[in-house]
Amino acid sequence: MGRATIKDVAQRAGCSITTVSFVLNNKEGVSIPDSTRASILNAARALNYRPNQLAVSMVTKRTNVIGLIIPDNSNSFFAELSKTIECAAHEAGYSLIYGNSENDASRDLAYIQIFADRQVDGIIFAKSPSLSSEENQQLLDFLQTLSIPVLMVDRRISGNQGYSVSSNNFMGGYLATRHLLELGHRKIGAYTGSRDIISSNERLRGYHAALQEWGVAFQEELLFEGNYQLGREAAALEHFLKHRVSAIFSFNDMMAFGLYQEIQKRQLSIPEDLSIVGFDDVFFGKLVHPTLTTVRQPIDQIGSVAVSMLLDLIAGTPLPPNLQNQVFEPTLVPRKSTAPYHAPFPDK
């Protein structure tokens, strides 16, 4: 037996297709007897009737689908953010389709095109870190051609003045570095994200500001550029040990977990030999040993507000200038991976 149609419901309920349509679509201003309404609803349930979403979207000009593009679904931060966004969308009656760009800028553009072709109502987008200047401009130009709203989350595109939701990355970098300074550390390594990502540059500015406030000279050689992924932690630790740092500020938790592995391989101890601070406060930070001191991004707020803003844009509700780029304040979460400074550890 095929899928039940509105005609099948009308035949079973013994009334016109028009009347069934009025009832199932909650048409206002139409007087329908309660007995007829009940008969139609009972028939629809008995036939397991579901409206044809394609037909509905042709009438409403909406698909009730949102596209979400993230750079790395193996990154716990984006996994948790995706879950929050999906839950908020579901509560609002929207479905979600995903695109995982695998940190590939060409896939960012491809997914936006695919989602637009599938007529999603809007897109929430966290860009990949590998955009060249040419790709950045190409993406900006393409976004201008879209007839659907696009909201940036966590990461912004350089030169884009559109809508966004993020954390105060400058303050997060400042809090992490100040915490280590308060513990007496002065040679603090910074394991950064890609210099092409605005959030990483903002965290670095916060790191620099805290050092300056405490009268500690900024040393370029204490920086090591990562990419917010696993894979560079061995080279990073080698670099930091060479420069005899006593603490490391990792610009996200995932890279901090990579450092944990490398530090253990060298038979060093956290925090006895090296203090570590992460950034994000993903779930696993409470499970590793020692538990990770980190900067908490309010992931639930970021995700739910991103959906709320996008739905306003989809509905055509103008957002005032002060709500077009929302920034949430991070907080420091002290745990067991940081300790007061002591004399440099011996070579091991």
C-alpha atoms as a PDB file:
ATOM      1  CA  MET A   1       0.000   0.000   0.000  1.00  0.00           C
ATOM      2  CA  GLY A   2       1.365   3.402  -0.984  1.00  0.00           C
ATOM      3  CA  ARG A   3       1.643   6.494   1.121  1.00  0.00           C
ATOM      4  CA  ALA A   4      -1.735   7.911   2.176  1.00  0.00           C
ATOM      5  CA  THR A   5      -2.797  11.107   0.412  1.00  0.00           C
ATOM      6  CA  ILE A   6      -5.103  13.908   1.426  1.00  0.00           C
ATOM      7  CA  LYS A   7      -7.643  12.382  -0.978  1.00  0.00           C
ATOM      8  CA  ASP A   8      -7.530   9.097   0.987  1.00  0.00           C
ATOM      9  CA  VAL A   9      -8.195  10.977   4.224  1.00  0.00           C
ATOM     10  CA  ALA A  10     -11.144  12.792   2.636  1.00  0.00           C
ATOM     11  CA  GLN A  11     -12.668   9.539   1.381  1.00  0.00           C
ATOM     12  CA  ARG A  12     -12.315   7.835   4.770  1.00  0.00           C
ATOM     13  CA  ALA A  13     -13.723  10.831   6.654  1.00  0.00           C
ATOM     14  CA  GLY A  14     -16.532  11.323   4.138  1.00  0.00           C
ATOM     15  CA  CYS A  15     -15.871  14.979   3.392  1.00  0.00           C
ATOM     16  CA  SER A  16     -14.243  17.187   0.774  1.00  0.00           C
ATOM     17  CA  ILE A  17     -10.512  17.497   0.132  1.00  0.00           C
ATOM     18  CA  THR A  18     -10.813  21.227   0.813  1.00  0.00           C
ATOM     19  CA  THR A  19     -12.285  20.629   4.264  1.00  0.00           C
ATOM     20  CA  VAL A  20      -9.530  18.117   5.072  1.00  0.00           C
ATOM     21  CA  SER A  21      -6.916  20.639   3.968  1.00  0.00           C
ATOM     22  CA  PHE A  22      -8.429  23.322   6.194  1.00  0.00           C
ATOM     23  CA  VAL A  23      -8.351  21.019   9.233  1.00  0.00           C
ATOM     24  CA  LEU A  24      -4.891  19.532   8.717  1.00  0.00           C
ATOM     25  CA  ASN A  25      -3.370  22.950   8.058  1.00  0.00           C
ATOM     26  CA  ASN A  26      -5.227  24.653  10.941  1.00  0.00           C
ATOM     27  CA  LYS A  27      -6.770  27.159   8.563  1.00  0.00           C
ATOM     28  CA  GLU A  28      -7.983  30.183  10.511  1.00  0.00           C
ATOM     29  CA  GLY A  29     -11.305  31.906   9.910  1.00  0.00           C
ATOM     30  CA  VAL A  30     -13.054  28.745   8.706  1.00  0.00           C
ATOM     31  CA  SER A  31     -15.964  27.292  10.706  1.00  0.00           C
ATOM     32  CA  ILE A  32     -15.864  23.483  10.755  1.00  0.00           C
ATOM     33  CA  PRO A  33     -18.041  21.398  13.110  1.00  0.00           C
ATOM     34  CA  ASP A  34     -16.137  19.673  15.891  1.00  0.00           C
ATOM     35  CA  SER A  35     -17.514  16.302  14.804  1.00  0.00           C
ATOM     36  CA  THR A  36     -16.180  16.780  11.270  1.00  0.00           C
ATOM     37  CA  ARG A  37     -12.804  17.931  12.584  1.00  0.00           C
ATOM     38  CA  ALA A  38     -12.576  14.853  14.845  1.00  0.00           C
ATOM     39  CA  SER A  39     -13.535  12.546  11.976  1.00  0.00           C
ATOM     40  CA  ILE A  40     -10.795  14.000   9.768  1.00  0.00           C
ATOM     41  CA  LEU A  41      -8.129  13.746  12.464  1.00  0.00           C
ATOM     42  CA  ASN A  42      -9.126  10.162  13.270  1.00  0.00           C
ATOM     43  CA  ALA A  43      -8.954   9.243   9.578  1.00  0.00           C
ATOM     44  CA  ALA A  44      -5.525  10.850   9.248  1.00  0.00           C
ATOM     45  CA  ARG A  45      -4.226   8.901  12.250  1.00  0.00           C
ATOM     46  CA  ALA A  46      -5.722   5.630  11.026  1.00  0.00           C
ATOM     47  CA  LEU A  47      -4.092   6.047   7.620  1.00  0.00           C
ATOM     48  CA  ASN A  48      -0.802   7.266   9.147  1.00  0.00           C
ATOM     49  CA  TYR A  49      -1.136  10.314   6.929  1.00  0.00           C
ATOM     50  CA  ARG A  50       1.870  12.609   6.687  1.00  0.00           C
ATOM     51  CA  PRO A  51       1.850  15.764   4.594  1.00  0.00           C
ATOM     52  CA  ASN A  52       4.011  15.856   1.475  1.00  0.00           C
ATOM     53  CA  GLN A  53       6.749  18.222   2.605  1.00  0.00           C
ATOM     54  CA  LEU A  54       7.702  19.110  -0.959  1.00  0.00           C
ATOM     55  CA  ALA A  55       4.143  20.194  -1.688  1.00  0.00           C
ATOM     56  CA  VAL A  56       3.958  22.090   1.593  1.00  0.00           C
ATOM     57  CA  SER A  57       7.235  23.894   0.886  1.00  0.00           C
ATOM     58  CA  MET A  58       5.971  24.959  -2.544  1.00  0.00           C
ATOM     59  CA  VAL A  59       3.079  26.712  -0.826  1.00  0.00           C
ATOM     60  CA  THR A  60       4.893  28.110   2.221  1.00  0.00           C
ATOM     61  CA  LYS A  61       8.222  28.763   0.449  1.00  0.00           C
ATOM     62  CA  ARG A  62       9.863  27.051   3.436  1.00  0.00           C
ATOM     63  CA  THR A  63      11.416  23.614   3.849  1.00  0.00           C
ATOM     64  CA  ASN A  64      11.867  23.812   7.632  1.00  0.00           C
ATOM     65  CA  VAL A  65      15.417  22.568   7.103  1.00  0.00           C
ATOM     66  CA  ILE A  66      18.605  24.275   8.299  1.00  0.00           C
ATOM     67  CA  GLY A  67      22.065  23.505   6.957  1.00  0.00           C
ATOM     68  CA  LEU A  68      25.000  23.243   9.384  1.00  0.00           C
ATOM     69  CA  ILE A  69      28.606  23.288   8.157  1.00  0.00           C
ATOM     70  CA  ILE A  70      31.388  22.493  10.624  1.00  0.00           C
ATOM     71  CA  PRO A  71      35.122  22.086   9.975  1.00  0.00           C
ATOM     72  CA  ASP A  72      35.811  18.904  11.947  1.00  0.00           C
ATOM     73  CA  ASN A  73      33.241  16.543  13.445  1.00  0.00           C
ATOM     74  CA  SER A  74      35.994  14.666  15.314  1.00  0.00           C
ATOM     75  CA  ASN A  75      36.647  17.820  17.350  1.00  0.00           C
ATOM     76  CA  SER A  76      34.646  17.498  20.566  1.00  0.00           C
ATOM     77  CA  PHE A  77      33.851  21.207  20.620  1.00  0.00           C
ATOM     78  CA  PHE A  78      32.098  21.047  17.253  1.00  0.00           C
ATOM     79  CA  ALA A  79      30.450  17.737  18.129  1.00  0.00           C
ATOM     80  CA  GLU A  80      28.938  19.289  21.259  1.00  0.00           C
ATOM     81  CA  LEU A  81      28.017  22.478  19.394  1.00  0.00           C
ATOM     82  CA  SER A  82      26.296  20.445  16.661  1.00  0.00           C
ATOM     83  CA  LYS A  83      24.246  18.578  19.254  1.00  0.00           C
ATOM     84  CA  THR A  84      23.105  21.831  20.857  1.00  0.00           C
ATOM     85  CA  ILE A  85      22.166  23.326  17.488  1.00  0.00           C
ATOM     86  CA  GLU A  86      20.266  20.208  16.454  1.00  0.00           C
ATOM     87  CA  CYS A  87      18.288  20.132  19.721  1.00  0.00           C
ATOM     88  CA  ALA A  88      17.384  23.824  19.434  1.00  0.00           C
ATOM     89  CA  ALA A  89      16.361  23.398  15.790  1.00  0.00           C
ATOM     90  CA  HIS A  90      14.244  20.349  16.617  1.00  0.00           C
ATOM     91  CA  GLU A  91      12.408  22.214  19.374  1.00  0.00           C
ATOM     92  CA  ALA A  92      11.575  24.917  16.818  1.00  0.00           C
ATOM     93  CA  GLY A  93      10.226  22.365  14.330  1.00  0.00           C
ATOM     94  CA  TYR A  94      13.262  22.345  12.046  1.00  0.00           C
ATOM     95  CA  SER A  95      15.384  19.496  10.736  1.00  0.00           C
ATOM     96  CA  LEU A  96      19.131  19.716  10.249  1.00  0.00           C
ATOM     97  CA  ILE A  97      21.430  18.562   7.465  1.00  0.00           C
ATOM     98  CA  TYR A  98      25.171  18.444   8.085  1.00  0.00           C
ATOM     99  CA  GLY A  99      28.259  19.186   6.097  1.00  0.00           C
ATOM    100  CA  ASN A 100      31.677  18.305   7.540  1.00  0.00           C
ATOM    101  CA  SER A 101      34.304  20.225   5.584  1.00  0.00           C
ATOM    102  CA  GLU A 102      37.265  18.287   7.070  1.00  0.00           C
ATOM    103  CA  ASN A 103      39.051  21.652   7.329  1.00  0.00           C
ATOM    104  CA  ASP A 104      38.985  21.934   3.527  1.00  0.00           C
ATOM    105  CA  ALA A 105      38.033  25.402   2.265  1.00  0.00           C
ATOM    106  CA  SER A 106      36.843  24.066  -1.094  1.00  0.00           C
ATOM    107  CA  ARG A 107      34.297  21.905   0.721  1.00  0.00           C
ATOM    108  CA  ASP A 108      32.963  24.944   2.584  1.00  0.00           C
ATOM    109  CA  LEU A 109      31.951  26.490  -0.724  1.00  0.00           C
ATOM    110  CA  ALA A 110      30.654  23.188  -2.091  1.00  0.00           C
ATOM    111  CA  TYR A 111      28.414  22.558   0.931  1.00  0.00           C
ATOM    112  CA  ILE A 112      26.960  26.061   0.834  1.00  0.00           C
ATOM    113  CA  GLN A 113      26.099  25.514  -2.835  1.00  0.00           C
ATOM    114  CA  ILE A 114      24.597  22.075  -2.128  1.00  0.00           C
ATOM    115  CA  PHE A 115      22.494  23.389   0.752  1.00  0.00           C
ATOM    116  CA  ALA A 116      21.276  26.345  -1.304  1.00  0.00           C
ATOM    117  CA  ASP A 117      20.334  23.979  -4.146  1.00  0.00           C
ATOM    118  CA  ARG A 118      18.384  21.850  -1.658  1.00  0.00           C
ATOM    119  CA  GLN A 119      16.517  24.983  -0.637  1.00  0.00           C
ATOM    120  CA  VAL A 120      17.361  24.999   3.048  1.00  0.00           C
ATOM    121  CA  ASP A 121      15.822  27.946   4.858  1.00  0.00           C
ATOM    122  CA  GLY A 122      19.158  29.098   6.290  1.00  0.00           C
ATOM    123  CA  ILE A 123      22.717  28.031   7.077  1.00  0.00           C
ATOM    124  CA  ILE A 124      24.822  28.028  10.255  1.00  0.00           C
ATOM    125  CA  PHE A 125      28.465  27.997   9.244  1.00  0.00           C
ATOM    126  CA  ALA A 126      31.798  27.478  11.046  1.00  0.00           C
ATOM    127  CA  LYS A 127      34.436  27.924   8.379  1.00  0.00           C
ATOM    128  CA  SER A 128      37.525  25.802   7.829  1.00  0.00           C
ATOM    129  CA  PRO A 129      40.877  27.284   8.900  1.00  0.00           C
ATOM    130  CA  SER A 130      42.593  26.908   5.540  1.00  0.00           C
ATOM    131  CA  LEU A 131      41.047  29.752   3.531  1.00  0.00           C
ATOM    132  CA  SER A 132      43.536  31.566   1.333  1.00  0.00           C
ATOM    133  CA  SER A 133      42.933  35.261   0.613  1.00  0.00           C
ATOM    134  CA  GLU A 134      41.528  34.310  -2.786  1.00  0.00           C
ATOM    135  CA  GLU A 135      39.230  31.645  -1.313  1.00  0.00           C
ATOM    136  CA  ASN A 136      38.127  34.049   1.407  1.00  0.00           C
ATOM    137  CA  GLN A 137      37.088  36.624  -1.192  1.00  0.00           C
ATOM    138  CA  GLN A 138      35.426  33.960  -3.333  1.00  0.00           C
ATOM    139  CA  LEU A 139      33.388  32.836  -0.340  1.00  0.00           C
ATOM    140  CA  LEU A 140      32.418  36.406   0.556  1.00  0.00           C
ATOM    141  CA  ASP A 141      31.304  37.072  -3.021  1.00  0.00           C
ATOM    142  CA  PHE A 142      29.273  33.863  -3.124  1.00  0.00           C
ATOM    143  CA  LEU A 143      27.514  34.587   0.174  1.00  0.00           C
ATOM    144  CA  GLN A 144      26.370  37.908  -1.286  1.00  0.00           C
ATOM    145  CA  THR A 145      24.496  36.063  -4.044  1.00  0.00           C
ATOM    146  CA  LEU A 146      22.447  33.865  -1.703  1.00  0.00           C
ATOM    147  CA  SER A 147      18.792  34.569  -1.027  1.00  0.00           C
ATOM    148  CA  ILE A 148      18.898  32.717   2.311  1.00  0.00           C
ATOM    149  CA  PRO A 149      20.451  33.910   5.576  1.00  0.00           C
ATOM    150  CA  VAL A 150      23.859  32.610   6.658  1.00  0.00           C
ATOM    151  CA  LEU A 151      25.024  32.931  10.254  1.00  0.00           C
ATOM    152  CA  MET A 152      28.647  32.408  11.283  1.00  0.00           C
ATOM    153  CA  VAL A 153      29.304  30.517  14.497  1.00  0.00           C
ATOM    154  CA  ASP A 154      32.588  30.401  16.465  1.00  0.00           C
ATOM    155  CA  ARG A 155      34.630  31.553  13.460  1.00  0.00           C
ATOM    156  CA  ARG A 156      34.104  34.563  11.229  1.00  0.00           C
ATOM    157  CA  ILE A 157      35.213  35.186   7.669  1.00  0.00           C
ATOM    158  CA  SER A 158      37.722  37.994   7.338  1.00  0.00           C
ATOM    159  CA  GLY A 159      35.948  41.030   5.891  1.00  0.00           C
ATOM    160  CA  ASN A 160      32.460  39.658   6.554  1.00  0.00           C
ATOM    161  CA  GLN A 161      30.168  42.063   8.399  1.00  0.00           C
ATOM    162  CA  GLY A 162      27.280  39.591   8.559  1.00  0.00           C
ATOM    163  CA  TYR A 163      25.644  37.846  11.495  1.00  0.00           C
ATOM    164  CA  SER A 164      27.642  35.794  13.992  1.00  0.00           C
ATOM    165  CA  VAL A 165      27.716  34.153  17.419  1.00  0.00           C
ATOM    166  CA  SER A 166      30.996  33.493  19.221  1.00  0.00           C
ATOM    167  CA  SER A 167      32.903  33.708  22.485  1.00  0.00           C
ATOM    168  CA  ASN A 168      35.087  36.580  23.601  1.00  0.00           C
ATOM    169  CA  ASN A 169      38.289  34.892  22.477  1.00  0.00           C
ATOM    170  CA  PHE A 170      40.469  37.788  23.575  1.00  0.00           C
ATOM    171  CA  MET A 171      39.175  37.477  27.140  1.00  0.00           C
ATOM    172  CA  GLY A 172      39.567  33.696  27.042  1.00  0.00           C
ATOM    173  CA  GLY A 173      43.222  34.024  26.073  1.00  0.00           C
ATOM    174  CA  TYR A 174      43.725  36.617  28.766  1.00  0.00           C
ATOM    175  CA  LEU A 175      42.104  34.479  31.492  1.00  0.00           C
ATOM    176  CA  ALA A 176      44.152  31.394  30.631  1.00  0.00           C
ATOM    177  CA  THR A 177      47.436  33.304  30.626  1.00  0.00           C
ATOM    178  CA  ARG A 178      46.632  35.319  33.749  1.00  0.00           C
ATOM    179  CA  HIS A 179      45.890  32.086  35.617  1.00  0.00           C
ATOM    180  CA  LEU A 180      49.362  30.767  34.811  1.00  0.00           C
ATOM    181  CA  LEU A 181      50.977  34.089  35.704  1.00  0.00           C
ATOM    182  CA  GLU A 182      49.179  34.083  39.058  1.00  0.00           C
ATOM    183  CA  LEU A 183      50.712  30.659  39.706  1.00  0.00           C
ATOM    184  CA  GLY A 184      54.168  32.166  39.201  1.00  0.00           C
ATOM    185  CA  HIS A 185      54.881  30.979  35.655  1.00  0.00           C
ATOM    186  CA  ARG A 186      56.766  33.394  33.427  1.00  0.00           C
ATOM    187  CA  LYS A 187      57.920  31.284  30.460  1.00  0.00           C
ATOM    188  CA  ILE A 188      54.520  30.294  29.097  1.00  0.00           C
ATOM    189  CA  GLY A 189      54.308  28.514  25.775  1.00  0.00           C
ATOM    190  CA  ALA A 190      51.354  29.289  23.502  1.00  0.00           C
ATOM    191  CA  TYR A 191      50.191  26.400  21.307  1.00  0.00           C
ATOM    192  CA  THR A 192      48.088  28.454  18.902  1.00  0.00           C
ATOM    193  CA  GLY A 193      45.551  27.626  16.244  1.00  0.00           C
ATOM    194  CA  SER A 194      46.121  28.596  12.639  1.00  0.00           C
ATOM    195  CA  ARG A 195      47.060  32.248  12.206  1.00  0.00           C
ATOM    196  CA  ASP A 196      44.373  32.371   9.477  1.00  0.00           C
ATOM    197  CA  ILE A 197      41.607  31.956  12.081  1.00  0.00           C
ATOM    198  CA  ILE A 198      40.322  35.093  13.767  1.00  0.00           C
ATOM    199  CA  SER A 199      39.536  33.252  17.019  1.00  0.00           C
ATOM    200  CA  SER A 200      43.147  32.071  17.313  1.00  0.00           C
ATOM    201  CA  ASN A 201      44.493  35.560  16.708  1.00  0.00           C
ATOM    202  CA  GLU A 202      42.141  36.946  19.346  1.00  0.00           C
ATOM    203  CA  ARG A 203      43.279  34.343  21.892  1.00  0.00           C
ATOM    204  CA  LEU A 204      46.860  35.283  21.091  1.00  0.00           C
ATOM    205  CA  ARG A 205      46.051  38.956  21.694  1.00  0.00           C
ATOM    206  CA  GLY A 206      44.654  37.987  25.098  1.00  0.00           C
ATOM    207  CA  TYR A 207      47.831  36.023  25.870  1.00  0.00           C
ATOM    208  CA  HIS A 208      49.945  39.027  24.893  1.00  0.00           C
ATOM    209  CA  ALA A 209      47.801  41.436  26.954  1.00  0.00           C
ATOM    210  CA  ALA A 210      48.123  39.346  30.118  1.00  0.00           C
ATOM    211  CA  LEU A 211      51.904  39.156  29.752  1.00  0.00           C
ATOM    212  CA  GLN A 212      52.068  42.898  29.229  1.00  0.00           C
ATOM    213  CA  GLU A 213      49.897  43.566  32.278  1.00  0.00           C
ATOM    214  CA  TRP A 214      52.250  41.489  34.418  1.00  0.00           C
ATOM    215  CA  GLY A 215      55.379  43.074  32.975  1.00  0.00           C
ATOM    216  CA  VAL A 216      56.514  39.860  31.272  1.00  0.00           C
ATOM    217  CA  ALA A 217      58.220  40.281  27.914  1.00  0.00           C
ATOM    218  CA  PHE A 218      56.465  38.701  24.931  1.00  0.00           C
ATOM    219  CA  GLN A 219      58.745  36.152  23.247  1.00  0.00           C
ATOM    220  CA  GLU A 220      57.887  35.036  19.730  1.00  0.00           C
ATOM    221  CA  GLU A 221      59.919  31.854  20.195  1.00  0.00           C
ATOM    222  CA  LEU A 222      57.476  30.674  22.873  1.00  0.00           C
ATOM    223  CA  LEU A 223      54.738  30.326  20.232  1.00  0.00           C
ATOM    224  CA  PHE A 224      54.049  27.194  18.206  1.00  0.00           C
ATOM    225  CA  GLU A 225      51.393  27.204  15.501  1.00  0.00           C
ATOM    226  CA  GLY A 226      48.954  24.304  15.541  1.00  0.00           C
ATOM    227  CA  ASN A 227      45.715  23.855  13.643  1.00  0.00           C
ATOM    228  CA  TYR A 228      43.108  23.065  16.330  1.00  0.00           C
ATOM    229  CA  GLN A 229      43.594  19.359  15.489  1.00  0.00           C
ATOM    230  CA  LEU A 230      45.740  16.456  16.622  1.00  0.00           C
ATOM    231  CA  GLY A 231      48.954  15.773  14.750  1.00  0.00           C
ATOM    232  CA  ARG A 232      51.425  18.509  15.653  1.00  0.00           C
ATOM    233  CA  GLU A 233      51.738  17.854  19.373  1.00  0.00           C
ATOM    234  CA  ALA A 234      55.085  16.005  19.172  1.00  0.00           C
ATOM    235  CA  ALA A 235      56.752  18.889  17.338  1.00  0.00           C
ATOM    236  CA  ALA A 236      55.027  21.380  19.624  1.00  0.00           C
ATOM    237  CA  LEU A 237      56.270  19.723  22.810  1.00  0.00           C
ATOM    238  CA  GLU A 238      59.784  19.417  21.387  1.00  0.00           C
ATOM    239  CA  HIS A 239      59.716  23.151  20.665  1.00  0.00           C
ATOM    240  CA  PHE A 240      58.458  24.080  24.122  1.00  0.00           C
ATOM    241  CA  LEU A 241      60.963  21.842  25.916  1.00  0.00           C
ATOM    242  CA  LYS A 242      63.767  23.363  23.874  1.00  0.00           C
ATOM    243  CA  HIS A 243      62.750  26.786  25.177  1.00  0.00           C
ATOM    244  CA  ARG A 244      62.341  25.549  28.766  1.00  0.00           C
ATOM    245  CA  VAL A 245      58.767  26.673  29.327  1.00  0.00           C
ATOM    246  CA  SER A 246      57.138  25.780  32.645  1.00  0.00           C
ATOM    247  CA  ALA A 247      53.560  26.026  31.365  1.00  0.00           C
ATOM    248  CA  ILE A 248      51.665  25.773  28.085  1.00  0.00           C
ATOM    249  CA  PHE A 249      48.455  27.486  27.037  1.00  0.00           C
ATOM    250  CA  SER A 250      46.862  25.275  24.376  1.00  0.00           C
ATOM    251  CA  PHE A 251      44.375  27.205  22.255  1.00  0.00           C
ATOM    252  CA  ASN A 252      41.899  24.333  22.323  1.00  0.00           C
ATOM    253  CA  ASP A 253      41.311  21.227  24.418  1.00  0.00           C
ATOM    254  CA  MET A 254      41.921  18.796  21.568  1.00  0.00           C
ATOM    255  CA  MET A 255      45.509  19.994  21.112  1.00  0.00           C
ATOM    256  CA  ALA A 256      45.933  19.888  24.907  1.00  0.00           C
ATOM    257  CA  PHE A 257      44.931  16.204  24.900  1.00  0.00           C
ATOM    258  CA  GLY A 258      47.600  15.607  22.259  1.00  0.00           C
ATOM    259  CA  LEU A 259      50.161  17.264  24.529  1.00  0.00           C
ATOM    260  CA  TYR A 260      49.074  14.985  27.381  1.00  0.00           C
ATOM    261  CA  GLN A 261      50.022  11.936  25.300  1.00  0.00           C
ATOM    262  CA  GLU A 262      53.405  13.327  24.278  1.00  0.00           C
ATOM    263  CA  ILE A 263      54.254  14.447  27.808  1.00  0.00           C
ATOM    264  CA  GLN A 264      53.497  10.964  29.135  1.00  0.00           C
ATOM    265  CA  LYS A 265      55.632   9.386  26.397  1.00  0.00           C
ATOM    266  CA  ARG A 266      58.571  11.436  27.667  1.00  0.00           C
ATOM    267  CA  GLN A 267      57.864  10.295  31.229  1.00  0.00           C
ATOM    268  CA  LEU A 268      57.170  13.839  32.329  1.00  0.00           C
ATOM    269  CA  SER A 269      54.323  14.726  34.657  1.00  0.00           C
ATOM    270  CA  ILE A 270      51.438  17.189  34.565  1.00  0.00           C
ATOM    271  CA  PRO A 271      51.448  19.544  36.456  1.00  0.00           C
ATOM    272  CA  GLU A 272      54.690  18.698  38.289  1.00  0.00           C
ATOM    273  CA  ASP A 273      56.851  19.257  35.196  1.00  0.00           C
ATOM    274  CA  LEU A 274      54.498  21.239  32.971  1.00  0.00           C
ATOM    275  CA  SER A 275      51.256  23.036  33.705  1.00  0.00           C
ATOM    276  CA  ILE A 276      48.675  22.855  30.905  1.00  0.00           C
ATOM    277  CA  VAL A 277      45.646  25.060  30.218  1.00  0.00           C
ATOM    278  CA  GLY A 278      43.191  24.279  27.422  1.00  0.00           C
ATOM    279  CA  PHE A 279      40.335  26.153  25.801  1.00  0.00           C
ATOM    280  CA  ASP A 280      36.695  25.038  25.161  1.00  0.00           C
ATOM    281  CA  ASP A 281      35.883  22.845  28.201  1.00  0.00           C
ATOM    282  CA  VAL A 282      34.718  19.823  26.241  1.00  0.00           C
ATOM    283  CA  PHE A 283      33.404  16.785  28.100  1.00  0.00           C
ATOM    284  CA  PHE A 284      36.657  14.796  28.023  1.00  0.00           C
ATOM    285  CA  GLY A 285      38.487  17.464  30.021  1.00  0.00           C
ATOM    286  CA  LYS A 286      36.841  16.077  33.148  1.00  0.00           C
ATOM    287  CA  LEU A 287      37.882  12.506  32.299  1.00  0.00           C
ATOM    288  CA  VAL A 288      41.595  12.804  31.493  1.00  0.00           C
ATOM    289  CA  HIS A 289      44.194  12.491  34.248  1.00  0.00           C
ATOM    290  CA  PRO A 290      44.920  14.961  35.597  1.00  0.00           C
ATOM    291  CA  THR A 291      41.673  16.763  34.839  1.00  0.00           C
ATOM    292  CA  LEU A 292      42.256  19.669  32.471  1.00  0.00           C
ATOM    293  CA  THR A 293      42.257  23.288  33.571  1.00  0.00           C
ATOM    294  CA  THR A 294      40.582  25.100  30.708  1.00  0.00           C
ATOM    295  CA  VAL A 295      38.615  28.101  29.501  1.00  0.00           C
ATOM    296  CA  ARG A 296      34.932  27.313  29.176  1.00  0.00           C
ATOM    297  CA  GLN A 297      33.042  28.455  26.123  1.00  0.00           C
ATOM    298  CA  PRO A 298      29.267  28.508  26.804  1.00  0.00           C
ATOM    299  CA  ILE A 299      28.546  25.990  24.043  1.00  0.00           C
ATOM    300  CA  ASP A 300      24.860  25.574  24.917  1.00  0.00           C
ATOM    301  CA  GLN A 301      24.254  29.317  24.750  1.00  0.00           C
ATOM    302  CA  ILE A 302      26.216  29.726  21.532  1.00  0.00           C
ATOM    303  CA  GLY A 303      24.263  26.966  19.810  1.00  0.00           C
ATOM    304  CA  SER A 304      20.793  27.934  21.010  1.00  0.00           C
ATOM    305  CA  VAL A 305      21.280  31.643  20.291  1.00  0.00           C
ATOM    306  CA  ALA A 306      22.656  30.835  16.830  1.00  0.00           C
ATOM    307  CA  VAL A 307      19.460  28.930  16.011  1.00  0.00           C
ATOM    308  CA  SER A 308      17.252  31.652  17.498  1.00  0.00           C
ATOM    309  CA  MET A 309      19.005  34.359  15.469  1.00  0.00           C
ATOM    310  CA  LEU A 310      18.826  32.339  12.266  1.00  0.00           C
ATOM    311  CA  LEU A 311      15.105  31.666  12.722  1.00  0.00           C
ATOM    312  CA  ASP A 312      14.516  35.402  13.175  1.00  0.00           C
ATOM    313  CA  LEU A 313      16.394  36.045   9.938  1.00  0.00           C
ATOM    314  CA  ILE A 314      14.422  33.323   8.141  1.00  0.00           C
ATOM    315  CA  ALA A 315      11.182  34.930   9.342  1.00  0.00           C
ATOM    316  CA  GLY A 316      12.353  38.300   8.052  1.00  0.00           C
ATOM    317  CA  THR A 317      12.641  39.788  11.528  1.00  0.00           C
ATOM    318  CA  PRO A 318      15.307  42.519  11.463  1.00  0.00           C
ATOM    319  CA  LEU A 319      17.987  42.226  14.125  1.00  0.00           C
ATOM    320  CA  PRO A 320      19.147  45.493  15.717  1.00  0.00           C
ATOM    321  CA  PRO A 321      22.848  46.271  15.219  1.00  0.00           C
ATOM    322  CA  ASN A 322      23.729  45.355  18.814  1.00  0.00           C
ATOM    323  CA  LEU A 323      22.339  41.825  18.315  1.00  0.00           C
ATOM    324  CA  GLN A 324      23.821  41.044  14.901  1.00  0.00           C
ATOM    325  CA  ASN A 325      27.162  39.828  16.274  1.00  0.00           C
ATOM    326  CA  GLN A 326      26.645  38.276  19.690  1.00  0.00           C
ATOM    327  CA  VAL A 327      29.663  37.538  21.871  1.00  0.00           C
ATOM    328  CA  PHE A 328      29.533  35.425  25.039  1.00  0.00           C
ATOM    329  CA  GLU A 329      31.987  35.735  27.896  1.00  0.00           C
ATOM    330  CA  PRO A 330      34.175  32.703  28.706  1.00  0.00           C
ATOM    331  CA  THR A 331      35.126  31.574  32.197  1.00  0.00           C
ATOM    332  CA  LEU A 332      38.214  29.903  33.620  1.00  0.00           C
ATOM    333  CA  VAL A 333      37.702  26.370  34.969  1.00  0.00           C
ATOM    334  CA  PRO A 334      40.646  25.510  37.275  1.00  0.00           C
ATOM    335  CA  ARG A 335      41.286  21.789  37.636  1.00  0.00           C
ATOM    336  CA  LYS A 336      44.337  19.611  38.306  1.00  0.00           C
ATOM    337  CA  SER A 337      46.570  20.264  35.271  1.00  0.00           C
ATOM    338  CA  THR A 338      48.011  23.516  36.628  1.00  0.00           C
ATOM    339  CA  ALA A 339      50.166  24.117  39.710  1.00  0.00           C
ATOM    340  CA  PRO A 340      52.429  26.822  41.131  1.00  0.00           C
ATOM    341  CA  TYR A 341      55.737  27.366  39.373  1.00  0.00           C
ATOM    342  CA  HIS A 342      58.805  25.586  40.660  1.00  0.00           C
ATOM    343  CA  ALA A 343      62.361  25.205  39.385  1.00  0.00           C
ATOM    344  CA  PRO A 344      62.702  23.849  35.819  1.00  0.00           C
ATOM    345  CA  PHE A 345      62.481  20.086  35.525  1.00  0.00           C
ATOM    346  CA  PRO A 346      65.617  18.089  34.669  1.00  0.00           C
ATOM    347  CA  ASP A 347      66.122  16.697  31.190  1.00  0.00           C
ATOM    348  CA  LYS A 348      64.427  13.326  30.749  1.00  0.00           C
END
